Amino acid sequence: MLYLINILTVVPRKILGLLIYWLVVPFRSYSRHVVHLYGLQNSCSMKRILERNPTRVKDGWLLQSQCHKDVQDGLIINDRKISKLEYWLIVILLWGWTDDDAYCDTFSDGHNRTYLNGERTFIGIHLTNKWLVSKCSYPGSTFDLGDKRAEHKCTNVLGQLIWNGRNSAYNFEYLLGQVALPEAKVWKKRILGWEFGYEYDSTVANKKWYTAIMRKVQQ
């Protein structure tokens, strides 16, 4: 069922996400706090959070940074009880439409540099540093820095347009497309030149994680 929900909604959420992102992005700090805190409290965290070796501390959960060894680990603060109703409402209405893996909070500094270096153009226009330069003091994904990211919110409308066009509504993918499964429930089938099912990704927190796939088979 989870696989079907993911596959059947991927196209509409990618299209809708191009618009909805701009409505929900002001609430990104609150929404990711709810989603990640609920996952940690109920032992159902997604792979991207478990990769940060979350540790319980007095006020919340400490997340190790994979990008910044010289920066204090991110801390999900203001520990409080999150209800299942609040969790799912926030996932569907707010959190799913953003991308916690975006550097500089809302866009990717590294991806922007591919335009600055001339590797890509934006609708045929060569972009300059003036439009895309990052002023973030702690570039890095929310998965790395937790709620410490709230101290370093960055906005770059052009950078956000470019990133959202590439990774629209990507938090849904982290939740639905990367799952821990017992081997008995792992499957893969080929139908009319297309491949469906799950593919092994990695082992994290003593669990085997799989990525949901739907792709055309290369001949």
C-alpha atoms as a PDB file:
ATOM      1  CA  MET A   1       0.000   0.000   0.000  1.00  0.00           C
ATOM      2  CA  LEU A   2       2.799   2.424   0.906  1.00  0.00           C
ATOM      3  CA  TYR A   3       4.466   1.724  -2.434  1.00  0.00           C
ATOM      4  CA  LEU A   4       1.250   2.450  -4.345  1.00  0.00           C
ATOM      5  CA  ILE A   5       0.655   5.698  -2.466  1.00  0.00           C
ATOM      6  CA  ASN A   6       4.184   6.826  -3.270  1.00  0.00           C
ATOM      7  CA  ILE A   7       4.132   5.889  -6.943  1.00  0.00           C
ATOM      8  CA  LEU A   8       0.600   7.129  -7.685  1.00  0.00           C
ATOM      9  CA  THR A   9       1.164  10.508  -6.055  1.00  0.00           C
ATOM     10  CA  VAL A  10       4.669  11.302  -7.280  1.00  0.00           C
ATOM     11  CA  VAL A  11       3.604  13.176 -10.433  1.00  0.00           C
ATOM     12  CA  PRO A  12       0.756  15.246  -8.929  1.00  0.00           C
ATOM     13  CA  ARG A  13       2.798  16.195  -5.868  1.00  0.00           C
ATOM     14  CA  LYS A  14       5.735  17.268  -8.045  1.00  0.00           C
ATOM     15  CA  ILE A  15       3.453  19.532 -10.075  1.00  0.00           C
ATOM     16  CA  LEU A  16       1.460  20.878  -7.121  1.00  0.00           C
ATOM     17  CA  GLY A  17       4.662  21.339  -5.155  1.00  0.00           C
ATOM     18  CA  LEU A  18       5.869  24.028  -7.551  1.00  0.00           C
ATOM     19  CA  LEU A  19       3.090  26.274  -6.196  1.00  0.00           C
ATOM     20  CA  ILE A  20       2.408  24.916  -2.713  1.00  0.00           C
ATOM     21  CA  TYR A  21       6.062  25.324  -1.709  1.00  0.00           C
ATOM     22  CA  TRP A  22       5.710  29.109  -1.678  1.00  0.00           C
ATOM     23  CA  LEU A  23       2.694  28.894   0.642  1.00  0.00           C
ATOM     24  CA  VAL A  24       4.228  26.529   3.206  1.00  0.00           C
ATOM     25  CA  VAL A  25       7.898  27.535   3.247  1.00  0.00           C
ATOM     26  CA  PRO A  26       7.373  30.196   5.978  1.00  0.00           C
ATOM     27  CA  PHE A  27       6.355  27.329   8.292  1.00  0.00           C
ATOM     28  CA  ARG A  28       9.268  25.027   7.461  1.00  0.00           C
ATOM     29  CA  SER A  29      10.970  25.317  10.850  1.00  0.00           C
ATOM     30  CA  TYR A  30       7.795  24.417  12.758  1.00  0.00           C
ATOM     31  CA  SER A  31       6.831  21.603  10.402  1.00  0.00           C
ATOM     32  CA  ARG A  32      10.188  19.805  10.428  1.00  0.00           C
ATOM     33  CA  HIS A  33      10.321  20.135  14.212  1.00  0.00           C
ATOM     34  CA  VAL A  34       6.974  18.320  14.476  1.00  0.00           C
ATOM     35  CA  VAL A  35       7.837  15.613  11.944  1.00  0.00           C
ATOM     36  CA  HIS A  36      11.329  14.753  13.187  1.00  0.00           C
ATOM     37  CA  LEU A  37      10.448  14.996  16.868  1.00  0.00           C
ATOM     38  CA  TYR A  38       7.457  12.685  16.412  1.00  0.00           C
ATOM     39  CA  GLY A  39       9.624  10.176  14.552  1.00  0.00           C
ATOM     40  CA  LEU A  40      12.237  10.178  17.295  1.00  0.00           C
ATOM     41  CA  GLN A  41       9.664   9.921  20.077  1.00  0.00           C
ATOM     42  CA  ASN A  42       7.905   6.987  18.442  1.00  0.00           C
ATOM     43  CA  SER A  43      10.897   5.078  17.032  1.00  0.00           C
ATOM     44  CA  CYS A  44       9.757   5.655  13.458  1.00  0.00           C
ATOM     45  CA  SER A  45      12.349   8.126  12.240  1.00  0.00           C
ATOM     46  CA  MET A  46      13.258   8.207   8.586  1.00  0.00           C
ATOM     47  CA  LYS A  47      16.624   7.028   7.314  1.00  0.00           C
ATOM     48  CA  ARG A  48      18.026  10.552   6.885  1.00  0.00           C
ATOM     49  CA  ILE A  49      17.561  11.279  10.603  1.00  0.00           C
ATOM     50  CA  LEU A  50      18.864   7.920  11.829  1.00  0.00           C
ATOM     51  CA  GLU A  51      22.033   8.462   9.772  1.00  0.00           C
ATOM     52  CA  ARG A  52      22.782  11.350  12.148  1.00  0.00           C
ATOM     53  CA  ASN A  53      22.928   8.995  15.147  1.00  0.00           C
ATOM     54  CA  PRO A  54      20.275  10.829  17.221  1.00  0.00           C
ATOM     55  CA  THR A  55      21.049  10.898  20.940  1.00  0.00           C
ATOM     56  CA  ARG A  56      18.542  11.691  23.672  1.00  0.00           C
ATOM     57  CA  VAL A  57      19.542  14.695  25.770  1.00  0.00           C
ATOM     58  CA  LYS A  58      17.781  16.697  28.459  1.00  0.00           C
ATOM     59  CA  ASP A  59      15.939  19.106  26.168  1.00  0.00           C
ATOM     60  CA  GLY A  60      15.466  16.994  23.073  1.00  0.00           C
ATOM     61  CA  TRP A  61      17.593  15.035  20.611  1.00  0.00           C
ATOM     62  CA  LEU A  62      21.127  15.714  19.485  1.00  0.00           C
ATOM     63  CA  LEU A  63      21.903  15.073  15.806  1.00  0.00           C
ATOM     64  CA  GLN A  64      25.447  14.582  14.548  1.00  0.00           C
ATOM     65  CA  SER A  65      26.442  16.734  11.590  1.00  0.00           C
ATOM     66  CA  GLN A  66      27.836  14.897   8.573  1.00  0.00           C
ATOM     67  CA  CYS A  67      28.890  18.088   6.794  1.00  0.00           C
ATOM     68  CA  HIS A  68      30.375  20.230   9.536  1.00  0.00           C
ATOM     69  CA  LYS A  69      32.710  18.540  11.975  1.00  0.00           C
ATOM     70  CA  ASP A  70      33.708  21.925  13.397  1.00  0.00           C
ATOM     71  CA  VAL A  71      30.133  22.969  14.171  1.00  0.00           C
ATOM     72  CA  GLN A  72      28.134  22.007  17.262  1.00  0.00           C
ATOM     73  CA  ASP A  73      25.711  19.237  16.434  1.00  0.00           C
ATOM     74  CA  GLY A  74      22.194  20.279  15.572  1.00  0.00           C
ATOM     75  CA  LEU A  75      19.704  20.075  18.395  1.00  0.00           C
ATOM     76  CA  ILE A  76      15.978  19.534  18.051  1.00  0.00           C
ATOM     77  CA  ILE A  77      14.866  21.717  20.939  1.00  0.00           C
ATOM     78  CA  ASN A  78      11.627  22.343  22.862  1.00  0.00           C
ATOM     79  CA  ASP A  79      10.885  18.667  23.341  1.00  0.00           C
ATOM     80  CA  ARG A  80       7.139  18.141  23.645  1.00  0.00           C
ATOM     81  CA  LYS A  81       4.597  15.452  22.943  1.00  0.00           C
ATOM     82  CA  ILE A  82       3.488  15.358  19.314  1.00  0.00           C
ATOM     83  CA  SER A  83       0.153  13.646  18.640  1.00  0.00           C
ATOM     84  CA  LYS A  84      -0.371  11.361  15.662  1.00  0.00           C
ATOM     85  CA  LEU A  85      -3.074  13.738  14.374  1.00  0.00           C
ATOM     86  CA  GLU A  86      -0.763  16.764  14.485  1.00  0.00           C
ATOM     87  CA  TYR A  87       2.010  14.744  12.864  1.00  0.00           C
ATOM     88  CA  TRP A  88      -0.016  13.620   9.861  1.00  0.00           C
ATOM     89  CA  LEU A  89      -1.689  16.984   9.348  1.00  0.00           C
ATOM     90  CA  ILE A  90       1.703  18.678   9.288  1.00  0.00           C
ATOM     91  CA  VAL A  91       3.227  16.030   6.994  1.00  0.00           C
ATOM     92  CA  ILE A  92       0.413  16.384   4.450  1.00  0.00           C
ATOM     93  CA  LEU A  93      -0.264  20.117   4.647  1.00  0.00           C
ATOM     94  CA  LEU A  94       3.211  21.587   5.271  1.00  0.00           C
ATOM     95  CA  TRP A  95       6.321  19.471   5.645  1.00  0.00           C
ATOM     96  CA  GLY A  96       5.995  17.172   2.640  1.00  0.00           C
ATOM     97  CA  TRP A  97       6.095  20.094   0.186  1.00  0.00           C
ATOM     98  CA  THR A  98       9.568  21.297   1.208  1.00  0.00           C
ATOM     99  CA  ASP A  99      13.007  19.653   1.114  1.00  0.00           C
ATOM    100  CA  ASP A 100      14.973  19.209   4.342  1.00  0.00           C
ATOM    101  CA  ASP A 101      18.062  18.288   2.354  1.00  0.00           C
ATOM    102  CA  ALA A 102      18.246  21.771   0.835  1.00  0.00           C
ATOM    103  CA  TYR A 103      21.442  23.566   1.751  1.00  0.00           C
ATOM    104  CA  CYS A 104      21.068  27.111   3.093  1.00  0.00           C
ATOM    105  CA  ASP A 105      17.644  26.083   4.387  1.00  0.00           C
ATOM    106  CA  THR A 106      15.640  26.648   1.204  1.00  0.00           C
ATOM    107  CA  PHE A 107      18.066  26.159  -1.667  1.00  0.00           C
ATOM    108  CA  SER A 108      21.287  24.346  -2.510  1.00  0.00           C
ATOM    109  CA  ASP A 109      24.392  26.478  -2.552  1.00  0.00           C
ATOM    110  CA  GLY A 110      26.289  23.691  -4.312  1.00  0.00           C
ATOM    111  CA  HIS A 111      23.606  23.313  -6.986  1.00  0.00           C
ATOM    112  CA  ASN A 112      23.592  27.087  -7.519  1.00  0.00           C
ATOM    113  CA  ARG A 113      27.318  26.995  -8.211  1.00  0.00           C
ATOM    114  CA  THR A 114      26.747  24.759 -11.226  1.00  0.00           C
ATOM    115  CA  TYR A 115      24.989  27.768 -12.764  1.00  0.00           C
ATOM    116  CA  LEU A 116      27.655  30.208 -11.621  1.00  0.00           C
ATOM    117  CA  ASN A 117      30.329  27.962 -13.158  1.00  0.00           C
ATOM    118  CA  GLY A 118      28.489  27.867 -16.477  1.00  0.00           C
ATOM    119  CA  GLU A 119      27.652  24.153 -16.228  1.00  0.00           C
ATOM    120  CA  ARG A 120      23.948  25.005 -16.475  1.00  0.00           C
ATOM    121  CA  THR A 121      21.825  27.929 -17.671  1.00  0.00           C
ATOM    122  CA  PHE A 122      18.443  29.091 -16.405  1.00  0.00           C
ATOM    123  CA  ILE A 123      16.037  29.199 -19.392  1.00  0.00           C
ATOM    124  CA  GLY A 124      19.015  30.078 -21.547  1.00  0.00           C
ATOM    125  CA  ILE A 125      20.315  32.815 -19.233  1.00  0.00           C
ATOM    126  CA  HIS A 126      23.817  32.633 -17.754  1.00  0.00           C
ATOM    127  CA  LEU A 127      23.402  33.529 -14.092  1.00  0.00           C
ATOM    128  CA  THR A 128      25.852  35.607 -12.119  1.00  0.00           C
ATOM    129  CA  ASN A 129      27.119  35.548  -8.578  1.00  0.00           C
ATOM    130  CA  LYS A 130      25.013  38.652  -7.885  1.00  0.00           C
ATOM    131  CA  TRP A 131      21.809  36.638  -8.203  1.00  0.00           C
ATOM    132  CA  LEU A 132      22.811  33.387  -6.545  1.00  0.00           C
ATOM    133  CA  VAL A 133      25.524  34.066  -3.984  1.00  0.00           C
ATOM    134  CA  SER A 134      24.830  32.469  -0.598  1.00  0.00           C
ATOM    135  CA  LYS A 135      25.108  34.486   2.602  1.00  0.00           C
ATOM    136  CA  CYS A 136      24.547  31.534   4.926  1.00  0.00           C
ATOM    137  CA  SER A 137      26.967  31.297   7.808  1.00  0.00           C
ATOM    138  CA  TYR A 138      26.268  27.562   8.190  1.00  0.00           C
ATOM    139  CA  PRO A 139      25.529  26.042   4.784  1.00  0.00           C
ATOM    140  CA  GLY A 140      24.307  22.509   5.288  1.00  0.00           C
ATOM    141  CA  SER A 141      21.104  20.519   5.222  1.00  0.00           C
ATOM    142  CA  THR A 142      18.532  20.483   8.002  1.00  0.00           C
ATOM    143  CA  PHE A 143      19.252  16.796   8.425  1.00  0.00           C
ATOM    144  CA  ASP A 144      22.739  17.806   9.533  1.00  0.00           C
ATOM    145  CA  LEU A 145      22.004  20.758  11.775  1.00  0.00           C
ATOM    146  CA  GLY A 146      18.542  20.136  13.185  1.00  0.00           C
ATOM    147  CA  ASP A 147      16.710  23.132  14.617  1.00  0.00           C
ATOM    148  CA  LYS A 148      19.999  25.049  14.770  1.00  0.00           C
ATOM    149  CA  ARG A 149      19.066  25.799  11.175  1.00  0.00           C
ATOM    150  CA  ALA A 150      16.385  28.169  12.525  1.00  0.00           C
ATOM    151  CA  GLU A 151      19.182  30.539  13.512  1.00  0.00           C
ATOM    152  CA  HIS A 152      20.444  30.709   9.921  1.00  0.00           C
ATOM    153  CA  LYS A 153      17.400  31.024   7.693  1.00  0.00           C
ATOM    154  CA  CYS A 154      18.314  32.015   4.168  1.00  0.00           C
ATOM    155  CA  THR A 155      16.165  33.297   1.349  1.00  0.00           C
ATOM    156  CA  ASN A 156      17.186  33.512  -2.279  1.00  0.00           C
ATOM    157  CA  VAL A 157      14.141  33.579  -4.536  1.00  0.00           C
ATOM    158  CA  LEU A 158      15.971  32.641  -7.727  1.00  0.00           C
ATOM    159  CA  GLY A 159      17.881  29.900  -5.915  1.00  0.00           C
ATOM    160  CA  GLN A 160      14.614  28.618  -4.463  1.00  0.00           C
ATOM    161  CA  LEU A 161      12.975  28.588  -7.910  1.00  0.00           C
ATOM    162  CA  ILE A 162      15.840  26.549  -9.313  1.00  0.00           C
ATOM    163  CA  TRP A 163      15.987  24.137  -6.385  1.00  0.00           C
ATOM    164  CA  ASN A 164      12.221  23.662  -6.160  1.00  0.00           C
ATOM    165  CA  GLY A 165      12.041  22.957  -9.881  1.00  0.00           C
ATOM    166  CA  ARG A 166      14.535  20.155  -9.292  1.00  0.00           C
ATOM    167  CA  ASN A 167      13.421  18.800  -5.896  1.00  0.00           C
ATOM    168  CA  SER A 168       9.777  19.776  -5.639  1.00  0.00           C
ATOM    169  CA  ALA A 169       7.948  18.223  -2.646  1.00  0.00           C
ATOM    170  CA  TYR A 170      10.947  16.029  -1.899  1.00  0.00           C
ATOM    171  CA  ASN A 171      10.221  15.446   1.779  1.00  0.00           C
ATOM    172  CA  PHE A 172       7.420  13.110   0.706  1.00  0.00           C
ATOM    173  CA  GLU A 173      10.073  11.054  -1.063  1.00  0.00           C
ATOM    174  CA  TYR A 174      12.198  10.790   2.088  1.00  0.00           C
ATOM    175  CA  LEU A 175       9.180   9.565   4.042  1.00  0.00           C
ATOM    176  CA  LEU A 176       7.531   7.278   1.485  1.00  0.00           C
ATOM    177  CA  GLY A 177      10.327   6.281  -0.868  1.00  0.00           C
ATOM    178  CA  GLN A 178      13.045   5.243   1.614  1.00  0.00           C
ATOM    179  CA  VAL A 179      11.700   2.513   3.883  1.00  0.00           C
ATOM    180  CA  ALA A 180      13.005  -0.169   6.243  1.00  0.00           C
ATOM    181  CA  LEU A 181      11.597  -3.561   5.243  1.00  0.00           C
ATOM    182  CA  PRO A 182      12.063  -7.195   6.239  1.00  0.00           C
ATOM    183  CA  GLU A 183      13.497  -9.133   3.319  1.00  0.00           C
ATOM    184  CA  ALA A 184      10.263 -11.121   2.993  1.00  0.00           C
ATOM    185  CA  LYS A 185       8.459  -7.948   1.923  1.00  0.00           C
ATOM    186  CA  VAL A 186      11.035  -6.820  -0.623  1.00  0.00           C
ATOM    187  CA  TRP A 187       9.930  -7.315  -4.233  1.00  0.00           C
ATOM    188  CA  LYS A 188      10.832  -6.215  -7.749  1.00  0.00           C
ATOM    189  CA  LYS A 189       8.967  -6.860 -11.012  1.00  0.00           C
ATOM    190  CA  ARG A 190       9.302  -5.965 -14.689  1.00  0.00           C
ATOM    191  CA  ILE A 191       6.142  -5.065 -16.572  1.00  0.00           C
ATOM    192  CA  LEU A 192       6.045  -3.874 -20.193  1.00  0.00           C
ATOM    193  CA  GLY A 193       9.593  -2.586 -20.123  1.00  0.00           C
ATOM    194  CA  TRP A 194       9.255  -0.904 -16.709  1.00  0.00           C
ATOM    195  CA  GLU A 195      10.729  -1.963 -13.396  1.00  0.00           C
ATOM    196  CA  PHE A 196       8.757  -1.623 -10.143  1.00  0.00           C
ATOM    197  CA  GLY A 197       9.457  -2.515  -6.526  1.00  0.00           C
ATOM    198  CA  TYR A 198      12.227  -1.930  -4.009  1.00  0.00           C
ATOM    199  CA  GLU A 199      15.995  -1.767  -4.303  1.00  0.00           C
ATOM    200  CA  TYR A 200      18.449  -2.085  -1.400  1.00  0.00           C
ATOM    201  CA  ASP A 201      19.945   1.228  -0.357  1.00  0.00           C
ATOM    202  CA  SER A 202      21.963   0.794   2.850  1.00  0.00           C
ATOM    203  CA  THR A 203      21.890  -0.452   6.437  1.00  0.00           C
ATOM    204  CA  VAL A 204      21.273   2.231   9.057  1.00  0.00           C
ATOM    205  CA  ALA A 205      20.485   1.749  12.768  1.00  0.00           C
ATOM    206  CA  ASN A 206      20.633  -2.045  12.275  1.00  0.00           C
ATOM    207  CA  LYS A 207      17.869  -1.884   9.671  1.00  0.00           C
ATOM    208  CA  LYS A 208      18.030  -2.572   5.951  1.00  0.00           C
ATOM    209  CA  TRP A 209      16.618   0.364   4.004  1.00  0.00           C
ATOM    210  CA  TYR A 210      15.179   0.132   0.501  1.00  0.00           C
ATOM    211  CA  THR A 211      14.320   2.725  -2.134  1.00  0.00           C
ATOM    212  CA  ALA A 212      11.028   2.513  -4.027  1.00  0.00           C
ATOM    213  CA  ILE A 213      11.673   2.414  -7.782  1.00  0.00           C
ATOM    214  CA  MET A 214       9.632   2.939 -10.941  1.00  0.00           C
ATOM    215  CA  ARG A 215      11.849   3.229 -13.992  1.00  0.00           C
ATOM    216  CA  LYS A 216      12.094   2.263 -17.605  1.00  0.00           C
ATOM    217  CA  VAL A 217      14.449  -0.652 -18.167  1.00  0.00           C
ATOM    218  CA  GLN A 218      17.472   0.298 -20.226  1.00  0.00           C
ATOM    219  CA  GLN A 219      17.860  -1.956 -23.246  1.00  0.00           C
END
